[in-house]
Amino acid sequence: MDTLSWIFFYGALGVALGSKSERAVQEEECESGQYTNSGECCLECPPGEGVVRKCGATQTECAQCLDSETFSETYSHTDTCQPCTQCKGLMRMLTPCTDSNDAVCVCDYGYYLSSITGKCEVCTVCPQGQGVYMRCEHDHDTVCEECVDDTYSDQENLLDPCLPCTICEEGIEIQLRECAPTHDAVCHDPLAPTFSTSASPPSPSPPSFTDPWSSGPGDEATTAKPSKPHIMRNGLNENLIPIYCSILAAVLVGLLAYIIFKRWNSCKQNKPAANNRAATANQTPSPEGEKLHSDSGISVDSQSLQEQHAQHAQQTQAQAQAQAQAQPQLHAPEHIVVRVDGGPQVDPPPPQA
């Protein structure tokens, strides 16, 4: 009994361990960790597809996500397609949305995402005396540096670093201003030609005229100022008058030619109509002409009838003669010749005349 009990004990233990190990193997093979009611491992939808019907009574059903509208980035037996992120406000799209990846939005140009506020902030502008060490990007602000070691920056900017100072040529140029972090050096070549604008000479004053007749005893001599000469120039208005006259004449000539052409065309169209009316009037016969024409037609018809009757009579007479000649031949008696052998012999008909 003890042996049998031990056998049953070890048998039950082996069955339990076997079922447990089989269950563990099934769980390792089933990535979703979920099973249908029938014990099948629930399938997972791959990236780019979303769950339409969850696993349970039936197997998982998946559907393709719509590109640029919905997406699914992971393997899942429960997640559906998610709507794509829309970049709005100060955000711009860095990567577009696909069926397997969401859109990536970053701060617009000239802004960066602040780690303190979590919002897009305006990029810092480097002041004079400082240059750009690192340009502003969507994920970090501008990094500026002081201009040292013969470099300068004479304006505020977001892009340019410190520029090297100008070096004057030794022995040729004279340095008028030294280079500083906020401005460049200024050099001057004394031998270089300079161009200065000379002062215009004073305009001569108009001559003065003394009127001897206007001065009398005790009167001071007065200086008469000559008036400015009036120059007659052919202005634009004077040049336009002949042009206007030419245009008006051309318009009148064109109008006259148009009227003449219309009259000629009208006469040309009316002439065939008049000729047709005249021809119609000439072709219309008078009552007397119609009567004569009808009489002549009657006479012609009577003559043709007489000729037809004569021809018919001649044909009838010819037929009667032919029949009269044929009748004697038809009624001619037969000559019977008795041969020696006793048989009758019919003579051939006489030849026709």
Protein backbone atom coordinates (compact mmCIF):
# COMPACT_ATOMS: atom_id res chain seq x y z
CA MET A 1 0.00 0.00 0.00
CA ASP A 2 2.78 2.37 0.81
CA THR A 3 4.37 1.76 -2.54
CA LEU A 4 1.12 2.37 -4.41
CA SER A 5 0.46 5.55 -2.49
CA TRP A 6 3.90 6.84 -3.36
CA ILE A 7 3.32 5.98 -7.01
CA PHE A 8 0.03 7.89 -7.07
CA PHE A 9 1.63 10.82 -5.28
CA TYR A 10 4.49 11.13 -7.73
CA GLY A 11 2.12 10.65 -10.65
CA ALA A 12 -0.14 13.47 -9.50
CA LEU A 13 2.86 15.68 -8.85
CA GLY A 14 4.20 15.02 -12.36
CA VAL A 15 0.87 15.83 -13.96
CA ALA A 16 0.63 19.09 -11.99
CA LEU A 17 4.17 20.10 -12.87
CA GLY A 18 3.61 19.21 -16.54
CA SER A 19 0.44 21.28 -16.83
CA LYS A 20 2.11 24.19 -15.07
CA SER A 21 5.15 24.06 -17.35
CA GLU A 22 2.90 23.82 -20.42
CA ARG A 23 0.95 26.84 -19.20
CA ALA A 24 4.20 28.72 -18.66
CA VAL A 25 5.36 27.86 -22.18
CA GLN A 26 2.05 29.06 -23.60
CA GLU A 27 2.33 32.30 -21.62
CA GLU A 28 5.86 32.86 -22.89
CA GLU A 29 4.74 32.30 -26.48
CA CYS A 30 1.64 34.56 -26.11
CA GLU A 31 3.07 38.08 -26.25
CA SER A 32 -0.22 39.78 -25.47
CA GLY A 33 -0.80 37.69 -22.34
CA GLN A 34 -4.51 37.53 -23.15
CA TYR A 35 -6.52 34.63 -24.49
CA THR A 36 -9.82 34.21 -26.22
CA ASN A 37 -12.67 32.30 -24.66
CA SER A 38 -11.53 29.29 -26.64
CA GLY A 39 -7.99 29.54 -25.23
CA GLU A 40 -6.22 31.11 -28.23
CA CYS A 41 -3.58 33.77 -27.66
CA CYS A 42 -4.90 37.23 -28.53
CA LEU A 43 -3.08 38.74 -31.50
CA GLU A 44 -1.53 42.23 -31.32
CA CYS A 45 -2.01 44.89 -33.99
CA PRO A 46 1.34 46.11 -35.41
CA PRO A 47 2.34 49.80 -35.70
CA GLY A 48 0.24 51.51 -38.36
CA GLU A 49 -2.86 49.48 -37.44
CA GLY A 50 -5.40 49.93 -34.68
CA VAL A 51 -7.78 47.58 -32.90
CA VAL A 52 -11.28 47.51 -34.34
CA ARG A 53 -12.64 44.67 -32.17
CA LYS A 54 -10.93 43.57 -28.98
CA CYS A 55 -9.99 40.00 -28.25
CA GLY A 56 -12.55 37.99 -26.27
CA ALA A 57 -15.26 35.92 -27.78
CA THR A 58 -13.42 36.24 -31.10
CA GLN A 59 -9.87 37.00 -32.17
CA THR A 60 -8.49 40.57 -32.32
CA GLU A 61 -9.48 42.54 -35.44
CA CYS A 62 -7.14 45.27 -36.77
CA ALA A 63 -7.56 48.07 -39.34
CA GLN A 64 -5.06 50.31 -41.14
CA CYS A 65 -4.66 53.84 -39.74
CA LEU A 66 -5.23 56.80 -42.08
CA ASP A 67 -2.00 58.51 -43.11
CA SER A 68 -1.73 62.15 -41.90
CA GLU A 69 -4.93 61.70 -39.86
CA THR A 70 -4.48 58.82 -37.39
CA PHE A 71 -1.52 56.73 -36.21
CA SER A 72 -0.50 53.78 -34.03
CA GLU A 73 3.12 53.55 -32.86
CA THR A 74 3.19 50.29 -30.81
CA TYR A 75 2.11 46.67 -30.87
CA SER A 76 -1.14 46.36 -28.97
CA HIS A 77 -4.24 44.20 -28.74
CA THR A 78 -6.29 46.99 -27.14
CA ASP A 79 -5.19 50.39 -28.56
CA THR A 80 -7.04 51.96 -31.47
CA CYS A 81 -5.66 54.47 -34.01
CA GLN A 82 -5.03 57.85 -32.37
CA PRO A 83 -5.58 61.25 -34.09
CA CYS A 84 -2.46 63.08 -35.26
CA THR A 85 -1.18 66.08 -33.30
CA GLN A 86 -1.91 69.48 -34.88
CA CYS A 87 0.86 72.11 -34.70
CA LYS A 88 -0.74 75.44 -33.76
CA GLY A 89 0.24 78.86 -32.49
CA LEU A 90 4.01 79.33 -32.16
CA MET A 91 4.62 75.68 -33.08
CA ARG A 92 5.74 74.40 -36.47
CA MET A 93 5.82 70.85 -37.82
CA LEU A 94 9.26 69.26 -37.77
CA THR A 95 8.15 65.76 -38.86
CA PRO A 96 4.79 65.03 -40.53
CA CYS A 97 2.33 62.51 -39.16
CA THR A 98 2.26 59.02 -40.71
CA ASP A 99 0.19 55.92 -39.99
CA SER A 100 2.89 54.62 -37.61
CA ASN A 101 4.31 57.89 -36.16
CA ASP A 102 2.75 61.02 -34.73
CA ALA A 103 3.67 64.50 -35.96
CA VAL A 104 6.58 66.23 -34.19
CA CYS A 105 5.92 69.90 -33.38
CA VAL A 106 8.64 72.34 -32.33
CA CYS A 107 8.82 76.07 -31.67
CA ASP A 108 8.74 78.31 -34.72
CA TYR A 109 11.80 80.11 -36.07
CA GLY A 110 12.95 82.86 -33.71
CA TYR A 111 11.56 80.99 -30.68
CA TYR A 112 12.78 78.22 -28.42
CA LEU A 113 11.12 75.90 -25.91
CA SER A 114 11.90 77.16 -22.44
CA SER A 115 12.67 74.46 -19.88
CA ILE A 116 11.35 76.75 -17.16
CA THR A 117 7.98 77.81 -18.55
CA GLY A 118 7.49 74.92 -20.96
CA LYS A 119 6.41 77.42 -23.63
CA CYS A 120 7.95 78.93 -26.74
CA GLU A 121 9.96 82.03 -25.83
CA VAL A 122 11.61 84.66 -28.04
CA CYS A 123 15.26 83.98 -28.79
CA THR A 124 17.80 86.22 -27.05
CA VAL A 125 19.53 88.88 -29.19
CA CYS A 126 23.25 89.36 -28.59
CA PRO A 127 24.02 93.05 -27.84
CA GLN A 128 26.90 95.13 -29.21
CA GLY A 129 30.25 93.86 -28.04
CA GLN A 130 29.01 90.26 -28.03
CA GLY A 131 28.81 87.74 -30.84
CA VAL A 132 26.73 84.63 -31.36
CA TYR A 133 28.48 81.53 -30.04
CA MET A 134 25.51 79.19 -30.64
CA ARG A 135 22.49 80.11 -32.67
CA CYS A 136 19.01 79.85 -31.26
CA GLU A 137 17.20 76.61 -32.10
CA HIS A 138 13.80 75.21 -31.26
CA ASP A 139 15.19 73.40 -28.21
CA HIS A 140 17.64 75.99 -26.78
CA ASP A 141 18.21 79.73 -26.59
CA THR A 142 20.97 81.82 -28.18
CA VAL A 143 24.40 81.57 -26.56
CA CYS A 144 26.43 84.82 -26.74
CA GLU A 145 30.12 85.45 -26.03
CA GLU A 146 32.18 88.58 -25.37
CA CYS A 147 34.24 89.90 -28.27
CA VAL A 148 37.94 89.73 -27.23
CA ASP A 149 41.32 89.27 -28.90
CA ASP A 150 40.91 91.87 -31.65
CA THR A 151 37.30 91.02 -32.46
CA TYR A 152 34.23 93.22 -32.39
CA SER A 153 30.47 93.31 -32.94
CA ASP A 154 29.01 96.72 -33.72
CA GLN A 155 25.34 95.71 -33.90
CA GLU A 156 22.76 93.53 -32.21
CA ASN A 157 22.18 90.25 -34.02
CA LEU A 158 21.00 86.67 -33.74
CA LEU A 159 23.30 85.10 -36.32
CA ASP A 160 26.77 86.65 -36.64
CA PRO A 161 29.70 85.88 -34.34
CA CYS A 162 32.38 88.39 -33.36
CA LEU A 163 34.21 89.75 -36.43
CA PRO A 164 38.01 90.24 -36.63
CA CYS A 165 39.26 93.81 -36.40
CA THR A 166 40.77 95.59 -39.39
CA ILE A 167 44.59 95.80 -39.30
CA CYS A 168 46.14 98.98 -40.74
CA GLU A 169 49.08 98.52 -43.11
CA GLU A 170 52.23 99.47 -41.28
CA GLY A 171 54.17 102.34 -42.85
CA ILE A 172 51.34 103.20 -45.28
CA GLU A 173 48.17 103.78 -43.29
CA ILE A 174 47.63 105.70 -40.11
CA GLN A 175 45.29 104.27 -37.48
CA LEU A 176 42.74 106.91 -36.59
CA ARG A 177 40.77 104.74 -34.14
CA GLU A 178 41.67 101.59 -32.34
CA CYS A 179 39.52 98.48 -32.50
CA ALA A 180 37.18 97.87 -29.57
CA PRO A 181 34.58 95.18 -28.79
CA THR A 182 31.83 97.52 -30.02
CA HIS A 183 33.49 99.00 -33.15
CA ASP A 184 36.16 98.30 -35.74
CA ALA A 185 39.48 100.11 -36.25
CA VAL A 186 39.65 103.09 -38.65
CA CYS A 187 42.67 103.43 -40.96
CA HIS A 188 43.71 106.35 -43.20
CA ASP A 189 46.18 106.53 -46.08
CA PRO A 190 47.60 110.08 -46.32
CA LEU A 191 48.93 109.48 -49.84
CA ALA A 192 45.59 108.45 -51.22
CA PRO A 193 44.04 111.15 -53.46
CA THR A 194 41.18 113.05 -51.91
CA PHE A 195 38.36 114.61 -53.84
CA SER A 196 36.96 117.83 -52.36
CA THR A 197 34.08 119.80 -53.76
CA SER A 198 35.33 123.30 -54.75
CA ALA A 199 33.15 126.30 -54.00
CA SER A 200 31.27 127.59 -57.00
CA PRO A 201 32.38 131.06 -58.18
CA PRO A 202 30.02 133.88 -57.33
CA SER A 203 27.66 134.77 -60.09
CA PRO A 204 28.30 138.20 -61.64
CA SER A 205 25.90 140.87 -60.54
CA PRO A 206 23.81 142.48 -63.27
CA PRO A 207 25.14 145.82 -64.54
CA SER A 208 23.60 148.97 -63.15
CA PHE A 209 22.23 151.68 -65.37
CA THR A 210 21.91 155.33 -64.36
CA ASP A 211 19.10 157.29 -65.88
CA PRO A 212 20.44 160.83 -66.45
CA TRP A 213 16.99 162.21 -67.04
CA SER A 214 15.59 161.02 -63.74
CA SER A 215 18.08 162.99 -61.63
CA GLY A 216 17.41 166.60 -61.04
CA PRO A 217 19.04 169.28 -58.98
CA GLY A 218 19.14 168.12 -55.43
CA ASP A 219 17.92 164.63 -56.35
CA GLU A 220 20.01 161.56 -55.82
CA ALA A 221 20.94 159.42 -58.75
CA THR A 222 18.82 156.31 -58.92
CA THR A 223 19.97 153.00 -60.28
CA ALA A 224 17.57 151.35 -62.69
CA LYS A 225 17.36 147.60 -62.31
CA PRO A 226 17.00 145.86 -65.62
CA SER A 227 14.09 143.49 -65.89
CA LYS A 228 14.68 139.85 -66.63
CA PRO A 229 14.44 139.04 -70.33
CA HIS A 230 11.34 137.08 -71.26
CA ILE A 231 12.37 134.13 -73.35
CA MET A 232 9.72 132.80 -75.69
CA ARG A 233 9.95 129.07 -75.90
CA ASN A 234 7.97 126.63 -77.92
CA GLY A 235 6.17 124.87 -75.15
CA LEU A 236 4.50 121.51 -75.15
CA ASN A 237 1.08 123.00 -75.88
CA GLU A 238 2.32 124.60 -79.10
CA ASN A 239 3.76 121.26 -80.24
CA LEU A 240 0.52 119.43 -79.49
CA ILE A 241 -1.68 121.64 -81.68
CA PRO A 242 -0.41 120.18 -85.01
CA ILE A 243 -0.73 116.69 -83.58
CA TYR A 244 -4.34 117.29 -82.58
CA CYS A 245 -5.09 118.73 -86.02
CA SER A 246 -3.54 115.71 -87.74
CA ILE A 247 -5.54 113.30 -85.60
CA LEU A 248 -8.78 115.19 -86.29
CA ALA A 249 -8.09 115.21 -90.04
CA ALA A 250 -7.38 111.48 -90.00
CA VAL A 251 -10.64 110.83 -88.16
CA LEU A 252 -12.62 112.90 -90.67
CA VAL A 253 -10.99 111.17 -93.64
CA GLY A 254 -11.69 107.78 -92.13
CA LEU A 255 -15.33 108.71 -91.48
CA LEU A 256 -15.77 109.97 -95.05
CA ALA A 257 -14.19 106.81 -96.46
CA TYR A 258 -16.51 104.69 -94.33
CA ILE A 259 -19.59 106.55 -95.60
CA ILE A 260 -18.46 106.17 -99.24
CA PHE A 261 -17.82 102.47 -98.73
CA LYS A 262 -21.26 101.94 -97.19
CA ARG A 263 -22.96 103.76 -100.08
CA TRP A 264 -21.01 101.78 -102.67
CA ASN A 265 -21.80 98.50 -100.94
CA SER A 266 -25.51 99.41 -100.77
CA CYS A 267 -25.59 100.25 -104.49
CA LYS A 268 -23.77 97.03 -105.28
CA GLN A 269 -26.36 95.01 -103.38
CA ASN A 270 -29.34 96.86 -104.92
CA LYS A 271 -28.14 96.48 -108.55
CA PRO A 272 -28.65 92.66 -108.78
CA ALA A 273 -32.12 93.05 -107.27
CA ALA A 274 -33.06 95.60 -109.94
CA ASN A 275 -31.71 93.35 -112.69
CA ASN A 276 -33.74 90.43 -111.34
CA ARG A 277 -36.92 92.51 -111.34
CA ALA A 278 -36.28 93.63 -114.94
CA ALA A 279 -35.64 90.07 -116.07
CA THR A 280 -38.82 88.91 -114.39
CA ALA A 281 -40.80 91.64 -116.14
CA ASN A 282 -39.30 90.68 -119.52
CA GLN A 283 -40.08 87.00 -119.03
CA THR A 284 -43.76 87.62 -118.18
CA PRO A 285 -45.74 87.08 -121.45
CA SER A 286 -48.66 89.25 -122.58
CA PRO A 287 -52.17 87.81 -122.96
CA GLU A 288 -51.92 87.96 -126.80
CA GLY A 289 -48.59 86.14 -126.72
CA GLU A 290 -50.04 83.48 -124.49
CA LYS A 291 -52.96 83.00 -126.92
CA LEU A 292 -50.65 82.70 -129.93
CA HIS A 293 -48.47 80.28 -128.05
CA SER A 294 -51.48 78.17 -127.15
CA ASP A 295 -52.72 78.20 -130.77
CA SER A 296 -49.34 77.14 -132.09
CA GLY A 297 -49.26 74.36 -129.54
CA ILE A 298 -52.65 73.09 -130.70
CA SER A 299 -51.55 73.07 -134.36
CA VAL A 300 -48.36 71.22 -133.52
CA ASP A 301 -50.29 68.63 -131.52
CA SER A 302 -52.79 68.04 -134.40
CA GLN A 303 -49.98 67.51 -136.90
CA SER A 304 -48.28 64.98 -134.64
CA LEU A 305 -51.59 63.10 -134.23
CA GLN A 306 -52.07 62.89 -138.01
CA GLU A 307 -48.58 61.50 -138.45
CA GLN A 308 -49.22 58.89 -135.77
CA HIS A 309 -52.50 57.80 -137.47
CA ALA A 310 -50.74 57.46 -140.83
CA GLN A 311 -47.98 55.32 -139.35
CA HIS A 312 -50.55 53.14 -137.58
CA ALA A 313 -52.49 52.63 -140.84
CA GLN A 314 -49.33 51.63 -142.70
CA GLN A 315 -48.44 49.11 -139.99
CA THR A 316 -51.96 47.62 -140.09
CA GLN A 317 -51.85 47.27 -143.90
CA ALA A 318 -48.44 45.57 -143.77
CA GLN A 319 -49.70 43.07 -141.21
CA ALA A 320 -52.79 42.27 -143.34
CA GLN A 321 -50.63 41.59 -146.42
CA ALA A 322 -48.37 39.28 -144.43
CA GLN A 323 -51.36 37.30 -143.16
CA ALA A 324 -52.82 37.01 -146.71
CA GLN A 325 -49.58 35.56 -148.03
CA ALA A 326 -49.37 33.06 -145.18
CA GLN A 327 -52.96 31.66 -145.59
CA PRO A 328 -52.51 29.96 -149.07
CA GLN A 329 -49.50 28.13 -147.79
CA LEU A 330 -51.39 26.83 -144.75
CA HIS A 331 -54.42 25.54 -146.81
CA ALA A 332 -52.45 23.98 -149.72
CA PRO A 333 -53.62 20.26 -150.45
CA GLU A 334 -51.29 17.43 -149.65
CA HIS A 335 -50.15 15.17 -152.53
CA ILE A 336 -50.18 11.47 -151.52
CA VAL A 337 -47.92 9.16 -153.53
CA VAL A 338 -48.42 5.41 -153.27
CA ARG A 339 -45.20 3.51 -153.26
CA VAL A 340 -44.70 0.03 -154.61
CA ASP A 341 -44.47 -1.40 -151.17
CA GLY A 342 -47.97 -0.06 -150.53
CA GLY A 343 -47.04 2.61 -147.94
CA PRO A 344 -48.18 6.20 -148.36
CA GLN A 345 -45.55 8.83 -148.92
CA VAL A 346 -46.13 12.45 -148.15
CA ASP A 347 -44.47 14.80 -150.56
CA PRO A 348 -42.58 17.62 -149.03
CA PRO A 349 -44.29 20.98 -149.18
CA PRO A 350 -43.46 23.10 -152.16
CA PRO A 351 -40.86 25.76 -151.58
CA GLN A 352 -42.21 29.14 -150.60
CA ALA A 353 -41.98 31.87 -153.14
